[in-house]
Each structure stands twice: as C-alpha cells, then as structure tokens.
C-alpha cells in the first residue's frame, strides 16, 4: 500500500548544501549574500517522493527573504511556506523546533503514515525519536557530508541522497581552486614587502600589486573570493590582521607561529632587523611629502649649501642654485644628476633655510648662520615628518643612517627629538 506522506523541508541547509555541490565549498564568498539562485531541484525531489506514496502535506521552513527565485516552483507544487525570522540567514535550530512541533501535530492524524524530511547533510535525532513515538515512518532526503554517516541512513525507513534523485544545475559540479595553493605566493609576497618596508605590518593596498609581480596569474576570484580584501581576511592560517580606527585599510603580517622554511625564516629575520628600518623611515618621509635623494647625497648636499652660506652667495633663481649644487655634488659623487640636486634643494626648502632678498635674489634666512643650523633644521623636519607618523619608538641609529648614511648623528637626533 502506498504511504501517505507529510513532507517537511529544512530548506536553508538544503539550499546551502546544494550550492556547495554546484559551485564548490567556497560558494558563499561571492554568492552568499542577497537573492539566491534556484539550485535545488524541487521538482525532482517531489517526483522521488511520489514513488514512495501520496503527498498529503507539504511544508517548508526557511527565511524566505533570500529565496524569491523559488516562488514559482513552490506555487506550482502547492508547498506551504513557514517564515522564520532569524538574526542571520542561518537558523537551523529554529527550523528543527518548528518541525518537531509539526510532527507532534501529525501524531494525531490517521491520514499520515510517514514523514519525509528533506534537508542538508545533518541528522535530526529529535525528529527520529518523535516520528517513532508517533508511530510514523521516517523517510529522508539529504546531501552527503564530508564524512559519510551510516547512522543517518539507518535512522530512516527509506533514505536517499540528493545527488541520486536531484538533477545538478550545472551538469557537473563546479569548483574553485583550493585556496591553500595560493599560500606559497602569499607568504613570499609578505616576506618581500616586509624586507622592502622594514616592518612586519603591511598595508592591504600594497599586497596585491606585489603578489602580481611574483605570480601574474593570481586572481582571487579563482579561489572563490569576490574581492582581494575578502581573500586576505580569510587567510587566518597564514596572516594576522589589524585595523586602526583612524586608518582606511587594514594591515597584515605573517603569523608569528607560521611554519616557514629555513630560508624564509632567515629572510623574515633579516627584514625585520633594525638595520632595515632606514628604508622604512625614508618611505614614511616620502608619504609625508619629503622625497629624499640618497642619504649620502643629502648629507653632502647640506655641506655644499653650508659653503654657499659661508661665502655669502645669493642666486637669481632656484634653477641657478640647482646647477651650482650639482657642479659641486658631482665632485664627490660623479653619478649625481640634476634631479638629485633638485631633491636636495626641495628638502632644504621645507626646512625654511631660504628667503628672498630685496633685489629678488635667493639668499639664506637670517636665522641660518652655520652648518649646524642647516643640519638642525633638516633633522627637526625629518624627526617631525617621520617620528609623528609611526606608532613604534624611533630607532635613532637607523634614522641616522637614513638621513646621513652613518650612525654618527644618532645621539644628536635623540636629543633633538626630546626637545620637539
């Protein structure tokens, strides 16, 4: 005799499980929000149900806000929808509670012989117990979990897997690349950037261009991520993330407990060593509008300007000043260019060492009398532009190397910084 069946759909876990079958286990990264596509083969599942008996009742539980695409199919097959109002999209416990109540109601109905539960890859032990207590047969349709659960099949008088009775939307199950495949490139990128900038924490905006240089084929969408930001934030086994409230973007560093090869570990240690803070300081200065020539050129350039000061020179224009500086600079550094001379002058301009004379020529500010005056103004500018824009304490030896190409001015920089 055909069974008289009441169908209970735990629809959201079913939909999510089928999405994983159709689009891979990372489907939610670019399809997890907003209206959902119709991927569940509702017709096929109902056809399977009719091979077991006559469907008397058909009830589905979900937050239907995201499931509009299923509306025509549900109407066509007379499926009654029960709206759940979860705090988020997933509310399996609420659905189970509703189904428990429905089975208790069905216990008194003589026109129902069996309950067919259609859901995802979970077991429903409470429903099994209630159906047995009500004297109803329990049928089931579900998806395969990563580890097969033989008890799930034993708990039902009849159980079918979704992929055996439902038709796949894609014709074959689509997959994304395993994100672990990208980790070697990501680690190499972070090591390179850490070496380049002299610190562990790297701004998000710098990471993708650097990854592209190492692997031009890298695309986060190949791993199921809609944006590079979502890709980075999900790599918690490789990266640590921080985001200060006053910063537009987060920063990332390699996890301290990450297992690196011996060579990678040496590279990281070398990159984060204090000796590598000098280029980092210069990059901070550049971000603050002070673009330096090489430290040795800058320090020699200050000596050249001190000689101009001592000789009482004035210049008709900055172009003349740059030409004169370059003429002196190439005596010490033959590879120096006019661009280097301009950078020296531009840095010193920010130090307020110049003032126009009454005749329109360019001379020195009256407060600048000696080489030490020029050096102090230079140091104070750089201490302010760098020291005020990093969170870590200044390493004055590294800063001295960045500004003068030697560590000789470290103590002097420390004293000046305390006076600021």
Foldseek 3Di string as FASTA:
>chain_A
DAFAEAEEEADPQQLLQLLCQAANNLQCQPQVDAAHAPWWQPVLVVVVVVVRHHYDHAEYEAQCRRHVNCVVVCVVVVHHYDHDDDPDRDDSVVSLVVVLVVLVVCLPDPNGAAYEYEGEQDANVSVLVSCVVSNHFYEYEYAADPDHDVVRCVSHPYYYYRVVRTQGPVNGHHYADALVVCVVLQLVQQLVVLLQQQHFWAWPVPRPVSSCVVPVPDDVVSRPHPDVVSSVVPVVLFWDWDDDPVDPTIIIGGDPPDDDDPVSVVSNCVSNDLLSNLSNLQVLLVVVPQHADFQQLLQVLLVVVQVCLVVQDWAQDVVVVLVSSVVVSCVVPVVDDSVNSVSSVVLLVVLQQWDADPVRIIGGDPVDRGSVSSVLSSLVVSCCSRVVPDDDDDDLQSNCCNNHVGSPCSVVSVVSNVVD
